Amino acid sequence: MGKVTGSIFHDNVKAWSGDHCIDRSLVPGVLFCNRGIADERPRLMDIGPTVLDLFGVKVPAHMDGKPLTVANAAG
């Protein structure tokens, strides 16, 4: 929670404060990516279109955001 302590994991006891630790066996559909983004101003709304683009799916016209330029992306 923003500090170095003796324990690695701590219970999140504050309402509406996330620690971003996710058990992927309990929360399916979590996206992990370690590729760099080449765009100067990426936005949260660009994640959906970027994922669709990476999987070769056409981004629907009604979606906000745009596919980002992902470093080392295949295709």
PDB file of N, CA and C in Angstrom:
ATOM      1  N   MET A   1       0.821  -1.190   0.000  1.00  0.00           N
ATOM      2  CA  MET A   1       0.000   0.000   0.000  1.00  0.00           C
ATOM      3  C   MET A   1       0.866   1.256   0.000  1.00  0.00           C
ATOM      4  N   GLY A   2       1.811   1.287  -0.885  1.00  0.00           N
ATOM      5  CA  GLY A   2       2.615   2.474  -1.027  1.00  0.00           C
ATOM      6  C   GLY A   2       3.827   2.561  -0.127  1.00  0.00           C
ATOM      7  N   LYS A   3       4.172   1.451   0.551  1.00  0.00           N
ATOM      8  CA  LYS A   3       5.361   1.483   1.386  1.00  0.00           C
ATOM      9  C   LYS A   3       5.992   0.091   1.421  1.00  0.00           C
ATOM     10  N   VAL A   4       7.259   0.040   1.749  1.00  0.00           N
ATOM     11  CA  VAL A   4       7.964  -1.234   1.866  1.00  0.00           C
ATOM     12  C   VAL A   4       7.787  -1.737   3.286  1.00  0.00           C
ATOM     13  N   THR A   5       7.338  -2.985   3.391  1.00  0.00           N
ATOM     14  CA  THR A   5       7.131  -3.590   4.713  1.00  0.00           C
ATOM     15  C   THR A   5       7.721  -4.994   4.709  1.00  0.00           C
ATOM     16  N   GLY A   6       7.612  -5.676   5.827  1.00  0.00           N
ATOM     17  CA  GLY A   6       8.118  -7.044   5.938  1.00  0.00           C
ATOM     18  C   GLY A   6       7.296  -8.043   5.158  1.00  0.00           C
ATOM     19  N   SER A   7       6.029  -7.763   4.948  1.00  0.00           N
ATOM     20  CA  SER A   7       5.150  -8.666   4.197  1.00  0.00           C
ATOM     21  C   SER A   7       5.011  -8.187   2.758  1.00  0.00           C
ATOM     22  N   ILE A   8       4.861  -9.143   1.864  1.00  0.00           N
ATOM     23  CA  ILE A   8       4.666  -8.785   0.456  1.00  0.00           C
ATOM     24  C   ILE A   8       3.204  -8.435   0.195  1.00  0.00           C
ATOM     25  N   PHE A   9       2.289  -9.213   0.757  1.00  0.00           N
ATOM     26  CA  PHE A   9       0.864  -8.989   0.527  1.00  0.00           C
ATOM     27  C   PHE A   9       0.184  -8.531   1.810  1.00  0.00           C
ATOM     28  N   HIS A  10      -0.726  -7.595   1.669  1.00  0.00           N
ATOM     29  CA  HIS A  10      -1.500  -7.078   2.787  1.00  0.00           C
ATOM     30  C   HIS A  10      -2.971  -7.113   2.428  1.00  0.00           C
ATOM     31  N   ASP A  11      -3.837  -7.339   3.406  1.00  0.00           N
ATOM     32  CA  ASP A  11      -5.270  -7.260   3.176  1.00  0.00           C
ATOM     33  C   ASP A  11      -5.643  -5.833   2.803  1.00  0.00           C
ATOM     34  N   ASN A  12      -6.532  -5.700   1.835  1.00  0.00           N
ATOM     35  CA  ASN A  12      -7.024  -4.384   1.449  1.00  0.00           C
ATOM     36  C   ASN A  12      -8.223  -4.069   2.332  1.00  0.00           C
ATOM     37  N   VAL A  13      -8.020  -3.252   3.350  1.00  0.00           N
ATOM     38  CA  VAL A  13      -9.069  -2.967   4.319  1.00  0.00           C
ATOM     39  C   VAL A  13      -9.751  -1.628   4.076  1.00  0.00           C
ATOM     40  N   LYS A  14      -9.355  -0.913   3.039  1.00  0.00           N
ATOM     41  CA  LYS A  14      -9.957   0.377   2.733  1.00  0.00           C
ATOM     42  C   LYS A  14     -10.965   0.227   1.594  1.00  0.00           C
ATOM     43  N   ALA A  15     -12.132   0.810   1.773  1.00  0.00           N
ATOM     44  CA  ALA A  15     -13.138   0.787   0.716  1.00  0.00           C
ATOM     45  C   ALA A  15     -12.642   1.574  -0.488  1.00  0.00           C
ATOM     46  N   TRP A  16     -12.854   1.049  -1.668  1.00  0.00           N
ATOM     47  CA  TRP A  16     -12.534   1.702  -2.937  1.00  0.00           C
ATOM     48  C   TRP A  16     -11.042   1.960  -3.121  1.00  0.00           C
ATOM     49  N   SER A  17     -10.218   1.159  -2.512  1.00  0.00           N
ATOM     50  CA  SER A  17      -8.785   1.264  -2.787  1.00  0.00           C
ATOM     51  C   SER A  17      -8.322  -0.089  -3.311  1.00  0.00           C
ATOM     52  N   GLY A  18      -7.893  -0.114  -4.534  1.00  0.00           N
ATOM     53  CA  GLY A  18      -7.492  -1.372  -5.145  1.00  0.00           C
ATOM     54  C   GLY A  18      -6.009  -1.625  -4.991  1.00  0.00           C
ATOM     55  N   ASP A  19      -5.668  -2.871  -4.830  1.00  0.00           N
ATOM     56  CA  ASP A  19      -4.252  -3.217  -4.769  1.00  0.00           C
ATOM     57  C   ASP A  19      -3.790  -3.871  -6.061  1.00  0.00           C
ATOM     58  N   HIS A  20      -4.682  -4.098  -7.000  1.00  0.00           N
ATOM     59  CA  HIS A  20      -4.391  -4.637  -8.315  1.00  0.00           C
ATOM     60  C   HIS A  20      -3.800  -6.038  -8.287  1.00  0.00           C
ATOM     61  N   CYS A  21      -3.967  -6.771  -7.201  1.00  0.00           N
ATOM     62  CA  CYS A  21      -3.571  -8.177  -7.159  1.00  0.00           C
ATOM     63  C   CYS A  21      -4.788  -8.997  -7.571  1.00  0.00           C
ATOM     64  N   ILE A  22      -4.608  -9.808  -8.607  1.00  0.00           N
ATOM     65  CA  ILE A  22      -5.743 -10.544  -9.160  1.00  0.00           C
ATOM     66  C   ILE A  22      -5.388 -12.019  -9.265  1.00  0.00           C
ATOM     67  N   ASP A  23      -6.262 -12.869  -8.779  1.00  0.00           N
ATOM     68  CA  ASP A  23      -6.122 -14.307  -8.969  1.00  0.00           C
ATOM     69  C   ASP A  23      -6.842 -14.650 -10.268  1.00  0.00           C
ATOM     70  N   ARG A  24      -6.092 -14.911 -11.341  1.00  0.00           N
ATOM     71  CA  ARG A  24      -6.709 -15.118 -12.652  1.00  0.00           C
ATOM     72  C   ARG A  24      -7.575 -16.367 -12.702  1.00  0.00           C
ATOM     73  N   SER A  25      -7.448 -17.277 -11.722  1.00  0.00           N
ATOM     74  CA  SER A  25      -8.348 -18.437 -11.694  1.00  0.00           C
ATOM     75  C   SER A  25      -9.730 -18.040 -11.180  1.00  0.00           C
ATOM     76  N   LEU A  26      -9.815 -16.917 -10.466  1.00  0.00           N
ATOM     77  CA  LEU A  26     -11.091 -16.434  -9.946  1.00  0.00           C
ATOM     78  C   LEU A  26     -11.695 -15.323 -10.795  1.00  0.00           C
ATOM     79  N   VAL A  27     -10.847 -14.579 -11.518  1.00  0.00           N
ATOM     80  CA  VAL A  27     -11.297 -13.448 -12.325  1.00  0.00           C
ATOM     81  C   VAL A  27     -10.854 -13.685 -13.768  1.00  0.00           C
ATOM     82  N   PRO A  28     -11.685 -14.405 -14.548  1.00  0.00           N
ATOM     83  CA  PRO A  28     -11.293 -14.691 -15.924  1.00  0.00           C
ATOM     84  C   PRO A  28     -11.333 -13.436 -16.795  1.00  0.00           C
ATOM     85  N   GLY A  29     -10.554 -13.434 -17.839  1.00  0.00           N
ATOM     86  CA  GLY A  29     -10.582 -12.324 -18.782  1.00  0.00           C
ATOM     87  C   GLY A  29      -9.671 -11.174 -18.436  1.00  0.00           C
ATOM     88  N   VAL A  30      -8.764 -11.361 -17.486  1.00  0.00           N
ATOM     89  CA  VAL A  30      -7.829 -10.302 -17.125  1.00  0.00           C
ATOM     90  C   VAL A  30      -6.737 -10.253 -18.184  1.00  0.00           C
ATOM     91  N   LEU A  31      -6.414  -9.070 -18.636  1.00  0.00           N
ATOM     92  CA  LEU A  31      -5.401  -8.878 -19.668  1.00  0.00           C
ATOM     93  C   LEU A  31      -4.090  -8.448 -19.039  1.00  0.00           C
ATOM     94  N   PHE A  32      -3.042  -9.199 -19.336  1.00  0.00           N
ATOM     95  CA  PHE A  32      -1.699  -8.817 -18.919  1.00  0.00           C
ATOM     96  C   PHE A  32      -0.877  -8.606 -20.186  1.00  0.00           C
ATOM     97  N   CYS A  33      -0.157  -7.527 -20.254  1.00  0.00           N
ATOM     98  CA  CYS A  33       0.640  -7.235 -21.431  1.00  0.00           C
ATOM     99  C   CYS A  33       1.897  -6.490 -21.003  1.00  0.00           C
ATOM    100  N   ASN A  34       3.031  -6.904 -21.555  1.00  0.00           N
ATOM    101  CA  ASN A  34       4.271  -6.221 -21.218  1.00  0.00           C
ATOM    102  C   ASN A  34       4.889  -5.547 -22.438  1.00  0.00           C
ATOM    103  N   ARG A  35       4.119  -5.343 -23.475  1.00  0.00           N
ATOM    104  CA  ARG A  35       4.616  -4.663 -24.669  1.00  0.00           C
ATOM    105  C   ARG A  35       4.529  -3.151 -24.479  1.00  0.00           C
ATOM    106  N   GLY A  36       5.538  -2.478 -24.986  1.00  0.00           N
ATOM    107  CA  GLY A  36       5.567  -1.031 -24.884  1.00  0.00           C
ATOM    108  C   GLY A  36       4.582  -0.378 -25.841  1.00  0.00           C
ATOM    109  N   ILE A  37       4.110   0.786 -25.487  1.00  0.00           N
ATOM    110  CA  ILE A  37       3.200   1.565 -26.321  1.00  0.00           C
ATOM    111  C   ILE A  37       4.001   2.705 -26.941  1.00  0.00           C
ATOM    112  N   ALA A  38       3.934   2.823 -28.266  1.00  0.00           N
ATOM    113  CA  ALA A  38       4.717   3.834 -28.968  1.00  0.00           C
ATOM    114  C   ALA A  38       4.004   5.191 -29.035  1.00  0.00           C
ATOM    115  N   ASP A  39       2.708   5.233 -28.766  1.00  0.00           N
ATOM    116  CA  ASP A  39       1.956   6.484 -28.828  1.00  0.00           C
ATOM    117  C   ASP A  39       2.338   7.391 -27.655  1.00  0.00           C
ATOM    118  N   GLU A  40       2.359   8.689 -27.920  1.00  0.00           N
ATOM    119  CA  GLU A  40       2.749   9.640 -26.872  1.00  0.00           C
ATOM    120  C   GLU A  40       1.665   9.852 -25.823  1.00  0.00           C
ATOM    121  N   ARG A  41       0.390   9.744 -26.201  1.00  0.00           N
ATOM    122  CA  ARG A  41      -0.694  10.031 -25.260  1.00  0.00           C
ATOM    123  C   ARG A  41      -1.731   8.921 -25.255  1.00  0.00           C
ATOM    124  N   PRO A  42      -1.384   7.726 -24.783  1.00  0.00           N
ATOM    125  CA  PRO A  42      -2.370   6.647 -24.728  1.00  0.00           C
ATOM    126  C   PRO A  42      -3.449   6.978 -23.701  1.00  0.00           C
ATOM    127  N   ARG A  43      -4.670   6.528 -23.998  1.00  0.00           N
ATOM    128  CA  ARG A  43      -5.800   6.762 -23.094  1.00  0.00           C
ATOM    129  C   ARG A  43      -6.421   5.436 -22.705  1.00  0.00           C
ATOM    130  N   LEU A  44      -7.067   5.394 -21.581  1.00  0.00           N
ATOM    131  CA  LEU A  44      -7.722   4.185 -21.111  1.00  0.00           C
ATOM    132  C   LEU A  44      -8.721   3.674 -22.149  1.00  0.00           C
ATOM    133  N   MET A  45      -9.421   4.590 -22.804  1.00  0.00           N
ATOM    134  CA  MET A  45     -10.420   4.177 -23.789  1.00  0.00           C
ATOM    135  C   MET A  45      -9.792   3.538 -25.031  1.00  0.00           C
ATOM    136  N   ASP A  46      -8.472   3.587 -25.165  1.00  0.00           N
ATOM    137  CA  ASP A  46      -7.790   2.970 -26.298  1.00  0.00           C
ATOM    138  C   ASP A  46      -7.481   1.493 -26.068  1.00  0.00           C
ATOM    139  N   ILE A  47      -7.636   1.007 -24.850  1.00  0.00           N
ATOM    140  CA  ILE A  47      -7.290  -0.388 -24.555  1.00  0.00           C
ATOM    141  C   ILE A  47      -8.172  -1.364 -25.317  1.00  0.00           C
ATOM    142  N   GLY A  48      -9.484  -1.166 -25.294  1.00  0.00           N
ATOM    143  CA  GLY A  48     -10.397  -2.070 -26.006  1.00  0.00           C
ATOM    144  C   GLY A  48     -10.082  -2.159 -27.490  1.00  0.00           C
ATOM    145  N   PRO A  49     -10.027  -1.024 -28.196  1.00  0.00           N
ATOM    146  CA  PRO A  49      -9.680  -1.072 -29.611  1.00  0.00           C
ATOM    147  C   PRO A  49      -8.299  -1.679 -29.876  1.00  0.00           C
ATOM    148  N   THR A  50      -7.359  -1.466 -28.971  1.00  0.00           N
ATOM    149  CA  THR A  50      -6.017  -2.027 -29.149  1.00  0.00           C
ATOM    150  C   THR A  50      -6.044  -3.541 -29.058  1.00  0.00           C
ATOM    151  N   VAL A  51      -6.766  -4.076 -28.077  1.00  0.00           N
ATOM    152  CA  VAL A  51      -6.868  -5.530 -27.924  1.00  0.00           C
ATOM    153  C   VAL A  51      -7.552  -6.133 -29.141  1.00  0.00           C
ATOM    154  N   LEU A  52      -8.642  -5.531 -29.588  1.00  0.00           N
ATOM    155  CA  LEU A  52      -9.325  -6.042 -30.777  1.00  0.00           C
ATOM    156  C   LEU A  52      -8.378  -6.052 -31.970  1.00  0.00           C
ATOM    157  N   ASP A  53      -7.649  -4.974 -32.155  1.00  0.00           N
ATOM    158  CA  ASP A  53      -6.713  -4.861 -33.271  1.00  0.00           C
ATOM    159  C   ASP A  53      -5.615  -5.917 -33.189  1.00  0.00           C
ATOM    160  N   LEU A  54      -5.090  -6.169 -31.990  1.00  0.00           N
ATOM    161  CA  LEU A  54      -4.047  -7.174 -31.820  1.00  0.00           C
ATOM    162  C   LEU A  54      -4.536  -8.573 -32.187  1.00  0.00           C
ATOM    163  N   PHE A  55      -5.825  -8.825 -31.987  1.00  0.00           N
ATOM    164  CA  PHE A  55      -6.401 -10.125 -32.327  1.00  0.00           C
ATOM    165  C   PHE A  55      -6.965 -10.155 -33.740  1.00  0.00           C
ATOM    166  N   GLY A  56      -6.734  -9.086 -34.503  1.00  0.00           N
ATOM    167  CA  GLY A  56      -7.178  -9.056 -35.887  1.00  0.00           C
ATOM    168  C   GLY A  56      -8.667  -8.834 -36.062  1.00  0.00           C
ATOM    169  N   VAL A  57      -9.323  -8.274 -35.052  1.00  0.00           N
ATOM    170  CA  VAL A  57     -10.757  -8.009 -35.099  1.00  0.00           C
ATOM    171  C   VAL A  57     -10.964  -6.535 -35.441  1.00  0.00           C
ATOM    172  N   LYS A  58     -11.819  -6.269 -36.415  1.00  0.00           N
ATOM    173  CA  LYS A  58     -12.091  -4.886 -36.805  1.00  0.00           C
ATOM    174  C   LYS A  58     -12.751  -4.139 -35.642  1.00  0.00           C
ATOM    175  N   VAL A  59     -12.251  -2.949 -35.378  1.00  0.00           N
ATOM    176  CA  VAL A  59     -12.795  -2.126 -34.294  1.00  0.00           C
ATOM    177  C   VAL A  59     -14.116  -1.525 -34.761  1.00  0.00           C
ATOM    178  N   PRO A  60     -15.223  -1.785 -34.046  1.00  0.00           N
ATOM    179  CA  PRO A  60     -16.512  -1.216 -34.436  1.00  0.00           C
ATOM    180  C   PRO A  60     -16.482   0.309 -34.427  1.00  0.00           C
ATOM    181  N   ALA A  61     -17.186   0.905 -35.363  1.00  0.00           N
ATOM    182  CA  ALA A  61     -17.205   2.366 -35.508  1.00  0.00           C
ATOM    183  C   ALA A  61     -17.765   3.064 -34.266  1.00  0.00           C
ATOM    184  N   HIS A  62     -18.630   2.386 -33.519  1.00  0.00           N
ATOM    185  CA  HIS A  62     -19.250   3.031 -32.346  1.00  0.00           C
ATOM    186  C   HIS A  62     -18.322   3.087 -31.128  1.00  0.00           C
ATOM    187  N   MET A  63     -17.184   2.386 -31.177  1.00  0.00           N
ATOM    188  CA  MET A  63     -16.278   2.387 -30.024  1.00  0.00           C
ATOM    189  C   MET A  63     -15.490   3.685 -29.950  1.00  0.00           C
ATOM    190  N   ASP A  64     -15.356   4.193 -28.736  1.00  0.00           N
ATOM    191  CA  ASP A  64     -14.467   5.337 -28.508  1.00  0.00           C
ATOM    192  C   ASP A  64     -13.043   4.796 -28.444  1.00  0.00           C
ATOM    193  N   GLY A  65     -12.081   5.626 -28.666  1.00  0.00           N
ATOM    194  CA  GLY A  65     -10.690   5.215 -28.613  1.00  0.00           C
ATOM    195  C   GLY A  65     -10.209   4.724 -29.953  1.00  0.00           C
ATOM    196  N   LYS A  66      -8.916   4.442 -30.012  1.00  0.00           N
ATOM    197  CA  LYS A  66      -8.313   3.966 -31.254  1.00  0.00           C
ATOM    198  C   LYS A  66      -7.224   2.956 -30.894  1.00  0.00           C
ATOM    199  N   PRO A  67      -6.901   2.048 -31.816  1.00  0.00           N
ATOM    200  CA  PRO A  67      -5.814   1.106 -31.532  1.00  0.00           C
ATOM    201  C   PRO A  67      -4.483   1.850 -31.364  1.00  0.00           C
ATOM    202  N   LEU A  68      -3.761   1.483 -30.346  1.00  0.00           N
ATOM    203  CA  LEU A  68      -2.461   2.087 -30.096  1.00  0.00           C
ATOM    204  C   LEU A  68      -1.382   1.341 -30.875  1.00  0.00           C
ATOM    205  N   THR A  69      -0.259   1.988 -31.090  1.00  0.00           N
ATOM    206  CA  THR A  69       0.880   1.363 -31.744  1.00  0.00           C
ATOM    207  C   THR A  69       1.647   0.593 -30.678  1.00  0.00           C
ATOM    208  N   VAL A  70       1.595  -0.734 -30.769  1.00  0.00           N
ATOM    209  CA  VAL A  70       2.199  -1.597 -29.771  1.00  0.00           C
ATOM    210  C   VAL A  70       3.554  -2.089 -30.280  1.00  0.00           C
ATOM    211  N   ALA A  71       4.593  -1.892 -29.502  1.00  0.00           N
ATOM    212  CA  ALA A  71       5.939  -2.313 -29.886  1.00  0.00           C
ATOM    213  C   ALA A  71       6.019  -3.829 -29.965  1.00  0.00           C
ATOM    214  N   ASN A  72       6.726  -4.324 -30.944  1.00  0.00           N
ATOM    215  CA  ASN A  72       6.941  -5.748 -31.143  1.00  0.00           C
ATOM    216  C   ASN A  72       5.668  -6.544 -31.356  1.00  0.00           C
ATOM    217  N   ALA A  73       4.618  -5.908 -31.842  1.00  0.00           N
ATOM    218  CA  ALA A  73       3.365  -6.608 -32.104  1.00  0.00           C
ATOM    219  C   ALA A  73       3.494  -7.394 -33.400  1.00  0.00           C
ATOM    220  N   ALA A  74       2.996  -8.599 -33.394  1.00  0.00           N
ATOM    221  CA  ALA A  74       2.994  -9.415 -34.615  1.00  0.00           C
ATOM    222  C   ALA A  74       1.917  -8.912 -35.535  1.00  0.00           C
ATOM    223  N   GLY A  75       2.223  -8.901 -36.821  1.00  0.00           N
ATOM    224  CA  GLY A  75       1.219  -8.519 -37.805  1.00  0.00           C
ATOM    225  C   GLY A  75       1.283  -7.107 -38.077  1.00  0.00           C
TER     226      GLY A  75
END
